[in-house]
Amino acid sequence: MSSHPDLAVDLFLPASGGTEELLADEVQRITGRPAEHARGGVWVRGSFETAMQLNLESRLAQRVLWPLVDGPYRDEQDLYALARRVRWTDWMSPAQTLRVDVNAQRSPLTSLNFTALRIKDAVCDAMREATGERPSVDTRRPDVPLVLYVGPDHAVLYLDTTGEALFKRGWRDARGGREDVKGEAPLKETLAAAMLAAIGWQGRKEDGPLLDPCCGAGTIAIEAAQMACGMAPGAQRRFAFERQLPFRPHLKAWDAMRAAARARVHAPHVAVVAGDVSFRMTDFAERNAERAGVKHAIEFKTMDALQRPAPAPHGVILMNPPYGERIAPKGQGSRAGPTLAREQFEGGDSSQVFFGSLASHWKRHYAGWSAWVLTPDFKLPSHMRLKESRRVPLWNGPIECRLFRFDLVAGSAR
């Protein structure tokens, strides 16, 4: 059956690998409703206002998807017929634009591009029959983004209420954002938030100060500072649902939601400290923090991680360590290209020297702290000569990683 705009539905929130259970906990905390997680995402029963609330408040979800229709299929013609079951005039006008994305898992379909085209044809044919006009396609910023999930024999067509993915919080530099500093691939905001959720740090006074000594673009520190200040992650951006027909009667409620989110922002409850061995990176992170509205809530200082003193008697280190140039001491930056730098990160001599020295520095100066390190190198504890107390599987895009916890004590941790 196809869904009706006025009825509650099972919203689907896609999640990156390893974060599904964390997202289910977050969704339940935001909505007060039970959430069910499985590989790839989370379901929660909700209304339009639930979808708006999740877009505004979720730090871990990739999108908030509204189910339109589902059913069995064998080929593209069945999917065309499935999409024709939706009364599209409830969801859009012919003056609006659309885009169709297809996600397949063990599907017999041979061309996902052709599948997307058939869904688009179904929408346009239905709209032309109902109104005499058809919508156009906009692949960059459509009013009505649609997402089709196809399995071996079952398909679900969703309305994407989010638009640009939720990791785009709205504070990245408009010149291009994720590649503003040559050679950098900043951590996505959703993964930084997942790291914070995995370690149980919520920005409360009892959580203790948080330090990222290799902050890069500042993503971990910015996510942490926003949490410490009670800021909603979606407060600085717009969403696709604001342009979609069924949400228009709910936009006053949306305005009230955003106003309430702004009103709850407060001074940080706990210190967030960050910096990098590179002046260039620290400056870049500070500018990002300013755009994110939390520069006042982060103490930035350019300093070698191997020389940085503990900013408090106890606290939490959380880091996604770089490789190559930014783990070398000041004045000894590597000029290696990304391939060699990657090899260094995954166990090369310079990497092992850095992490061994870092562990020694932590044992001398950070006794009583806990340190969490995200890495694709599963041998990192042996490089650091430390015994991890926890390891959490997470995915950084297509890269399988581990988030290791080390409980730091003076002397040997073995």
Protein backbone atom coordinates (compact mmCIF):
# COMPACT_ATOMS: atom_id res chain seq x y z
CA MET A 1 0.00 0.00 0.00
CA SER A 2 1.10 3.58 -0.58
CA SER A 3 1.28 5.93 2.40
CA HIS A 4 -1.00 8.90 3.01
CA PRO A 5 0.52 12.24 4.05
CA ASP A 6 -1.64 12.56 7.17
CA LEU A 7 -0.90 9.12 8.65
CA ALA A 8 1.98 8.07 10.92
CA VAL A 9 4.52 5.87 9.18
CA ASP A 10 7.72 3.95 9.90
CA LEU A 11 10.39 6.54 9.14
CA PHE A 12 13.74 5.14 8.04
CA LEU A 13 17.03 6.80 9.01
CA PRO A 14 20.06 5.39 7.15
CA ALA A 15 23.23 5.10 9.24
CA SER A 16 26.88 4.44 8.49
CA GLY A 17 28.26 1.02 9.36
CA GLY A 18 28.66 0.35 13.05
CA THR A 19 26.50 3.26 14.22
CA GLU A 20 23.03 1.71 13.93
CA GLU A 21 22.63 0.88 17.63
CA LEU A 22 23.99 4.28 18.65
CA LEU A 23 21.50 5.93 16.29
CA ALA A 24 18.60 3.89 17.70
CA ASP A 25 19.46 5.16 21.19
CA GLU A 26 19.67 8.74 19.90
CA VAL A 27 16.35 8.50 18.03
CA GLN A 28 14.61 7.14 21.14
CA ARG A 29 16.09 9.99 23.20
CA ILE A 30 14.94 12.63 20.67
CA THR A 31 11.42 11.28 20.01
CA GLY A 32 10.61 9.41 23.22
CA ARG A 33 9.56 6.47 21.03
CA PRO A 34 11.08 3.01 20.65
CA ALA A 35 13.37 2.69 17.64
CA GLU A 36 14.32 -0.51 15.86
CA HIS A 37 17.79 -0.87 14.34
CA ALA A 38 19.12 -3.25 11.73
CA ARG A 39 22.09 -3.28 9.41
CA GLY A 40 22.10 0.03 7.56
CA GLY A 41 19.72 2.11 9.62
CA VAL A 42 16.91 2.65 12.10
CA TRP A 43 13.11 2.67 11.93
CA VAL A 44 10.85 4.75 14.16
CA ARG A 45 7.10 5.33 14.00
CA GLY A 46 6.30 8.99 13.50
CA SER A 47 4.53 11.90 11.86
CA PHE A 48 5.68 14.91 9.83
CA GLU A 49 6.63 16.66 13.05
CA THR A 50 8.72 13.63 14.05
CA ALA A 51 10.55 13.83 10.72
CA MET A 52 11.19 17.56 11.21
CA GLN A 53 12.42 16.99 14.76
CA LEU A 54 14.82 14.24 13.67
CA ASN A 55 16.25 16.38 10.86
CA LEU A 56 16.90 19.17 13.34
CA GLU A 57 18.26 17.10 16.23
CA SER A 58 19.94 13.91 14.95
CA ARG A 59 23.73 13.95 14.94
CA LEU A 60 24.15 10.37 13.70
CA ALA A 61 21.56 9.82 10.94
CA GLN A 62 22.46 10.33 7.30
CA ARG A 63 18.89 11.23 6.23
CA VAL A 64 15.27 11.01 7.34
CA LEU A 65 13.23 9.04 4.78
CA TRP A 66 9.42 8.92 4.54
CA PRO A 67 8.06 5.67 3.01
CA LEU A 68 5.74 6.19 0.04
CA VAL A 69 5.10 2.67 -1.26
CA ASP A 70 6.58 -0.81 -1.09
CA GLY A 71 5.97 -4.19 -2.67
CA PRO A 72 7.46 -7.18 -4.50
CA TYR A 73 9.10 -6.80 -7.91
CA ARG A 74 10.83 -8.82 -10.60
CA ASP A 75 11.99 -6.17 -13.06
CA GLU A 76 11.95 -2.45 -13.88
CA GLN A 77 8.39 -2.62 -15.20
CA ASP A 78 7.18 -3.86 -11.80
CA LEU A 79 8.98 -0.91 -10.18
CA TYR A 80 7.31 1.49 -12.63
CA ALA A 81 3.93 0.02 -11.65
CA LEU A 82 4.86 0.28 -7.95
CA ALA A 83 5.64 4.00 -8.29
CA ARG A 84 2.38 4.58 -10.16
CA ARG A 85 0.48 3.47 -7.05
CA VAL A 86 1.49 6.72 -5.30
CA ARG A 87 -0.91 9.67 -5.65
CA TRP A 88 1.84 12.08 -6.58
CA THR A 89 -0.32 15.20 -6.47
CA ASP A 90 -0.39 14.74 -2.67
CA TRP A 91 3.38 15.11 -2.59
CA MET A 92 4.41 17.61 -5.24
CA SER A 93 3.28 20.06 -7.90
CA PRO A 94 4.37 19.94 -11.56
CA ALA A 95 6.35 23.14 -10.95
CA GLN A 96 8.64 21.30 -8.54
CA THR A 97 11.76 19.31 -9.40
CA LEU A 98 12.70 15.74 -8.53
CA ARG A 99 15.64 13.35 -8.45
CA VAL A 100 15.69 9.56 -8.00
CA ASP A 101 18.52 7.67 -6.28
CA VAL A 102 18.62 3.87 -6.16
CA ASN A 103 20.25 1.67 -3.53
CA ALA A 104 20.41 -2.04 -4.32
CA GLN A 105 21.39 -5.10 -2.30
CA ARG A 106 21.48 -8.50 -3.99
CA SER A 107 19.10 -7.18 -6.64
CA PRO A 108 18.65 -8.91 -10.03
CA LEU A 109 18.46 -5.51 -11.78
CA THR A 110 21.25 -4.92 -14.30
CA SER A 111 21.18 -1.10 -14.51
CA LEU A 112 20.41 1.14 -11.55
CA ASN A 113 20.45 4.17 -13.85
CA PHE A 114 17.67 2.64 -15.96
CA THR A 115 15.79 1.76 -12.76
CA ALA A 116 15.97 5.39 -11.61
CA LEU A 117 14.75 6.48 -15.04
CA ARG A 118 11.69 4.21 -14.79
CA ILE A 119 10.75 5.63 -11.39
CA LYS A 120 11.12 9.16 -12.78
CA ASP A 121 8.94 8.17 -15.77
CA ALA A 122 6.25 6.85 -13.41
CA VAL A 123 6.16 10.12 -11.47
CA CYS A 124 6.11 12.27 -14.60
CA ASP A 125 3.47 10.14 -16.33
CA ALA A 126 1.22 10.26 -13.25
CA MET A 127 1.62 14.03 -12.90
CA ARG A 128 0.94 14.65 -16.59
CA GLU A 129 -2.26 12.56 -16.41
CA ALA A 130 -3.45 14.39 -13.29
CA THR A 131 -2.45 17.98 -14.13
CA GLY A 132 -1.53 18.17 -17.80
CA GLU A 133 2.05 19.05 -16.84
CA ARG A 134 5.10 17.14 -15.73
CA PRO A 135 7.87 18.05 -13.25
CA SER A 136 11.48 18.42 -14.32
CA VAL A 137 14.62 16.80 -12.98
CA ASP A 138 17.19 18.64 -10.85
CA THR A 139 20.15 16.46 -9.89
CA ARG A 140 21.76 19.07 -7.60
CA ARG A 141 19.03 20.51 -5.37
CA PRO A 142 15.67 18.89 -6.13
CA ASP A 143 12.50 19.86 -4.28
CA VAL A 144 11.45 16.22 -4.09
CA PRO A 145 14.38 13.80 -3.76
CA LEU A 146 13.26 10.17 -3.95
CA VAL A 147 15.22 7.14 -2.76
CA LEU A 148 14.45 3.61 -3.95
CA TYR A 149 15.76 0.63 -1.97
CA VAL A 150 15.67 -2.68 -3.85
CA GLY A 151 16.49 -6.07 -2.36
CA PRO A 152 16.39 -9.48 -4.05
CA ASP A 153 12.61 -9.34 -4.60
CA HIS A 154 11.17 -6.43 -2.56
CA ALA A 155 11.39 -2.66 -3.06
CA VAL A 156 10.60 0.44 -0.98
CA LEU A 157 10.28 3.94 -2.41
CA TYR A 158 10.97 6.81 0.03
CA LEU A 159 10.59 10.56 0.01
CA ASP A 160 13.84 12.11 1.26
CA THR A 161 12.82 14.85 3.71
CA THR A 162 16.44 15.91 4.30
CA GLY A 163 17.95 17.00 0.98
CA GLU A 164 21.68 17.42 1.41
CA ALA A 165 22.97 14.69 3.73
CA LEU A 166 22.75 15.43 7.45
CA PHE A 167 26.52 15.46 7.94
CA LYS A 168 26.41 18.82 6.14
CA ARG A 169 25.64 20.92 9.20
CA GLY A 170 25.81 24.24 7.36
CA TRP A 171 29.10 25.59 8.73
CA ARG A 172 31.62 24.27 6.20
CA ASP A 173 33.22 26.88 3.95
CA ALA A 174 30.90 27.56 1.01
CA ARG A 175 33.90 27.55 -1.37
CA GLY A 176 33.86 23.79 -1.34
CA GLY A 177 34.04 22.84 2.26
CA ARG A 178 35.58 19.44 2.48
CA GLU A 179 38.70 20.09 0.42
CA ASP A 180 39.55 23.63 1.44
CA VAL A 181 42.95 22.57 2.77
CA LYS A 182 44.94 20.64 0.21
CA GLY A 183 45.44 17.00 1.09
CA GLU A 184 42.84 16.98 3.86
CA ALA A 185 39.85 14.65 3.97
CA PRO A 186 37.98 15.92 7.03
CA LEU A 187 36.07 13.51 9.18
CA LYS A 188 32.35 13.67 8.49
CA GLU A 189 30.38 15.34 11.24
CA THR A 190 28.17 12.25 11.64
CA LEU A 191 31.23 10.04 12.29
CA ALA A 192 32.66 12.54 14.79
CA ALA A 193 29.28 12.48 16.56
CA ALA A 194 29.28 8.66 16.48
CA MET A 195 32.71 8.64 18.13
CA LEU A 196 31.38 10.92 20.90
CA ALA A 197 28.29 8.73 21.30
CA ALA A 198 30.40 5.56 21.42
CA ILE A 199 32.51 6.89 24.28
CA GLY A 200 29.46 8.22 26.15
CA TRP A 201 30.63 11.86 26.13
CA GLN A 202 27.58 14.16 26.02
CA GLY A 203 29.02 17.54 26.97
CA ARG A 204 27.96 17.33 30.61
CA LYS A 205 30.13 18.61 33.43
CA GLU A 206 30.54 15.07 34.76
CA ASP A 207 31.92 13.92 31.39
CA GLY A 208 35.08 15.96 32.01
CA PRO A 209 37.05 18.06 29.52
CA LEU A 210 37.63 16.74 26.02
CA LEU A 211 40.93 17.11 24.13
CA ASP A 212 41.69 16.52 20.44
CA PRO A 213 45.45 17.07 20.07
CA CYS A 214 45.48 16.46 16.27
CA CYS A 215 42.28 18.33 15.44
CA GLY A 216 42.73 18.83 11.70
CA ALA A 217 39.64 20.69 10.43
CA GLY A 218 38.22 20.69 13.97
CA THR A 219 35.24 18.43 13.37
CA ILE A 220 35.45 16.43 16.61
CA ALA A 221 35.96 19.57 18.72
CA ILE A 222 33.12 21.42 16.97
CA GLU A 223 30.66 18.54 17.44
CA ALA A 224 31.69 18.29 21.10
CA ALA A 225 31.40 22.05 21.68
CA GLN A 226 27.94 22.18 20.12
CA MET A 227 26.86 19.36 22.44
CA ALA A 228 28.40 21.16 25.43
CA CYS A 229 26.41 24.29 24.48
CA GLY A 230 23.12 22.48 23.81
CA MET A 231 23.10 23.40 20.09
CA ALA A 232 20.97 21.44 17.63
CA PRO A 233 23.10 20.06 14.78
CA GLY A 234 20.60 21.14 12.10
CA ALA A 235 20.01 24.66 13.40
CA GLN A 236 22.18 26.34 10.73
CA ARG A 237 20.85 24.68 7.58
CA ARG A 238 17.73 24.16 5.47
CA PHE A 239 15.97 20.91 4.59
CA ALA A 240 14.12 19.52 1.57
CA PHE A 241 10.87 19.11 3.53
CA GLU A 242 10.58 22.91 3.76
CA ARG A 243 9.80 22.91 0.01
CA GLN A 244 7.54 19.81 -0.03
CA LEU A 245 3.73 20.07 -0.24
CA PRO A 246 2.67 17.89 2.72
CA PHE A 247 4.90 19.79 5.14
CA ARG A 248 3.50 23.23 4.38
CA PRO A 249 0.70 23.03 6.97
CA HIS A 250 3.35 22.12 9.55
CA LEU A 251 5.80 24.97 8.92
CA LYS A 252 4.54 27.01 11.89
CA ALA A 253 5.37 24.04 14.10
CA TRP A 254 8.78 23.91 12.38
CA ASP A 255 9.40 27.60 13.14
CA ALA A 256 8.50 26.95 16.78
CA MET A 257 10.85 23.94 16.87
CA ARG A 258 13.76 26.00 15.55
CA ALA A 259 13.01 28.86 17.96
CA ALA A 260 12.98 26.43 20.90
CA ALA A 261 16.32 24.99 19.75
CA ARG A 262 17.86 28.47 19.61
CA ALA A 263 16.45 29.38 23.04
CA ARG A 264 18.08 26.38 24.76
CA VAL A 265 21.65 27.25 23.70
CA HIS A 266 23.79 28.01 26.74
CA ALA A 267 27.39 28.56 27.80
CA PRO A 268 29.43 25.35 27.62
CA HIS A 269 29.13 23.04 30.61
CA VAL A 270 32.61 21.59 30.12
CA ALA A 271 35.89 22.53 28.43
CA VAL A 272 36.75 21.44 24.88
CA VAL A 273 40.43 21.77 23.96
CA ALA A 274 41.89 21.29 20.48
CA GLY A 275 44.88 22.06 18.34
CA ASP A 276 47.35 20.73 15.84
CA VAL A 277 51.09 20.75 15.20
CA SER A 278 50.28 22.78 12.05
CA PHE A 279 49.45 26.49 12.44
CA ARG A 280 47.61 26.24 9.13
CA MET A 281 45.33 23.49 10.42
CA THR A 282 44.65 25.15 13.78
CA ASP A 283 43.71 28.38 11.97
CA PHE A 284 41.47 26.42 9.61
CA ALA A 285 39.76 24.69 12.55
CA GLU A 286 39.24 28.01 14.34
CA ARG A 287 37.54 29.49 11.27
CA ASN A 288 35.29 26.43 11.04
CA ALA A 289 34.43 26.78 14.75
CA GLU A 290 33.55 30.43 14.26
CA ARG A 291 31.14 29.57 11.42
CA ALA A 292 29.67 26.81 13.61
CA GLY A 293 29.04 29.31 16.41
CA VAL A 294 31.32 27.63 18.95
CA LYS A 295 34.70 29.37 18.68
CA HIS A 296 34.13 30.74 22.19
CA ALA A 297 33.59 27.21 23.49
CA ILE A 298 36.86 25.67 22.22
CA GLU A 299 40.36 26.43 23.49
CA PHE A 300 42.59 26.22 20.40
CA LYS A 301 46.39 26.06 20.64
CA THR A 302 48.95 25.09 18.02
CA MET A 303 51.20 22.54 19.68
CA ASP A 304 52.94 19.26 18.99
CA ALA A 305 50.85 16.43 20.51
CA LEU A 306 54.10 15.01 21.92
CA GLN A 307 54.68 18.19 23.94
CA ARG A 308 51.16 19.19 24.96
CA PRO A 309 50.62 19.18 28.75
CA ALA A 310 47.37 17.86 30.19
CA PRO A 311 44.84 20.74 30.39
CA ALA A 312 43.19 19.25 33.52
CA PRO A 313 43.86 16.54 36.12
CA HIS A 314 41.52 14.16 34.30
CA GLY A 315 39.50 14.09 31.12
CA VAL A 316 39.05 12.39 27.75
CA ILE A 317 41.29 12.41 24.68
CA LEU A 318 39.44 11.69 21.44
CA MET A 319 41.34 11.74 18.18
CA ASN A 320 41.34 10.59 14.57
CA PRO A 321 45.12 10.71 14.06
CA PRO A 322 46.51 11.94 10.75
CA TYR A 323 49.47 10.48 8.94
CA GLY A 324 52.53 11.78 7.14
CA GLU A 325 53.19 15.48 7.65
CA ARG A 326 50.91 16.20 10.58
CA ILE A 327 52.28 13.47 12.88
CA ALA A 328 55.87 14.60 12.38
CA PRO A 329 57.36 16.98 14.97
CA LYS A 330 57.47 20.64 13.98
CA GLY A 331 60.02 21.28 11.27
CA GLN A 332 60.20 17.62 10.21
CA GLY A 333 57.12 17.37 7.99
CA SER A 334 57.06 14.57 5.47
CA ARG A 335 56.77 15.44 1.79
CA ALA A 336 55.49 12.00 0.98
CA GLY A 337 52.52 11.69 -1.33
CA PRO A 338 49.19 10.31 -0.10
CA THR A 339 49.99 6.69 -1.04
CA LEU A 340 53.23 6.62 0.94
CA ALA A 341 51.63 8.54 3.79
CA ARG A 342 48.85 5.96 3.91
CA GLU A 343 51.43 3.17 4.11
CA GLN A 344 53.15 5.04 6.95
CA PHE A 345 49.86 5.27 8.79
CA GLU A 346 49.21 1.56 8.46
CA GLY A 347 52.35 0.56 10.28
CA GLY A 348 55.33 2.28 8.65
CA ASP A 349 58.37 3.26 10.73
CA SER A 350 57.44 6.95 11.17
CA SER A 351 53.95 6.01 12.30
CA GLN A 352 55.22 3.50 14.86
CA VAL A 353 57.76 6.00 16.23
CA PHE A 354 55.07 8.68 16.59
CA PHE A 355 52.52 6.45 18.32
CA GLY A 356 55.14 4.92 20.60
CA SER A 357 56.29 8.42 21.61
CA LEU A 358 52.69 9.57 22.06
CA ALA A 359 51.95 6.67 24.42
CA SER A 360 55.06 7.47 26.47
CA HIS A 361 54.03 11.15 26.66
CA TRP A 362 50.52 10.19 27.77
CA LYS A 363 51.83 7.87 30.51
CA ARG A 364 54.06 10.65 31.85
CA HIS A 365 51.57 13.51 31.68
CA TYR A 366 48.01 12.14 31.34
CA ALA A 367 47.69 9.59 34.15
CA GLY A 368 44.00 9.43 35.12
CA TRP A 369 42.80 10.29 31.60
CA SER A 370 41.17 7.95 29.08
CA ALA A 371 42.26 8.12 25.45
CA TRP A 372 40.19 7.01 22.46
CA VAL A 373 41.85 6.67 19.05
CA LEU A 374 40.07 5.95 15.73
CA THR A 375 42.29 4.05 13.30
CA PRO A 376 42.16 1.59 10.40
CA ASP A 377 45.32 -0.01 11.83
CA PHE A 378 44.14 -2.86 14.05
CA LYS A 379 47.72 -3.26 15.38
CA LEU A 380 47.77 0.24 16.87
CA PRO A 381 47.78 -0.96 20.52
CA SER A 382 50.96 -2.95 19.89
CA HIS A 383 52.57 0.09 18.19
CA MET A 384 51.72 2.13 21.30
CA ARG A 385 52.72 -0.66 23.70
CA LEU A 386 49.38 -0.16 25.44
CA LYS A 387 46.59 -2.60 26.21
CA GLU A 388 43.21 -1.37 25.04
CA SER A 389 40.27 -1.66 27.44
CA ARG A 390 37.67 -1.41 24.66
CA ARG A 391 37.51 -1.57 20.89
CA VAL A 392 34.48 -0.28 18.97
CA PRO A 393 34.06 -1.15 15.24
CA LEU A 394 33.24 1.90 13.11
CA TRP A 395 33.41 2.65 9.40
CA ASN A 396 35.00 5.83 8.03
CA GLY A 397 33.26 5.77 4.66
CA PRO A 398 34.42 2.51 3.02
CA ILE A 399 37.30 2.04 5.51
CA GLU A 400 36.81 -0.36 8.40
CA CYS A 401 38.22 1.16 11.59
CA ARG A 402 38.47 0.53 15.32
CA LEU A 403 37.95 3.06 18.07
CA PHE A 404 40.40 1.92 20.77
CA ARG A 405 40.15 3.00 24.41
CA PHE A 406 43.27 3.23 26.56
CA ASP A 407 43.02 3.90 30.30
CA LEU A 408 46.14 5.89 31.03
CA VAL A 409 48.23 5.24 34.13
CA ALA A 410 51.76 6.32 34.98
CA GLY A 411 54.41 3.88 33.79
CA SER A 412 53.53 0.74 31.86
CA ALA A 413 49.90 -0.01 31.01
CA ARG A 414 50.53 -3.74 30.61
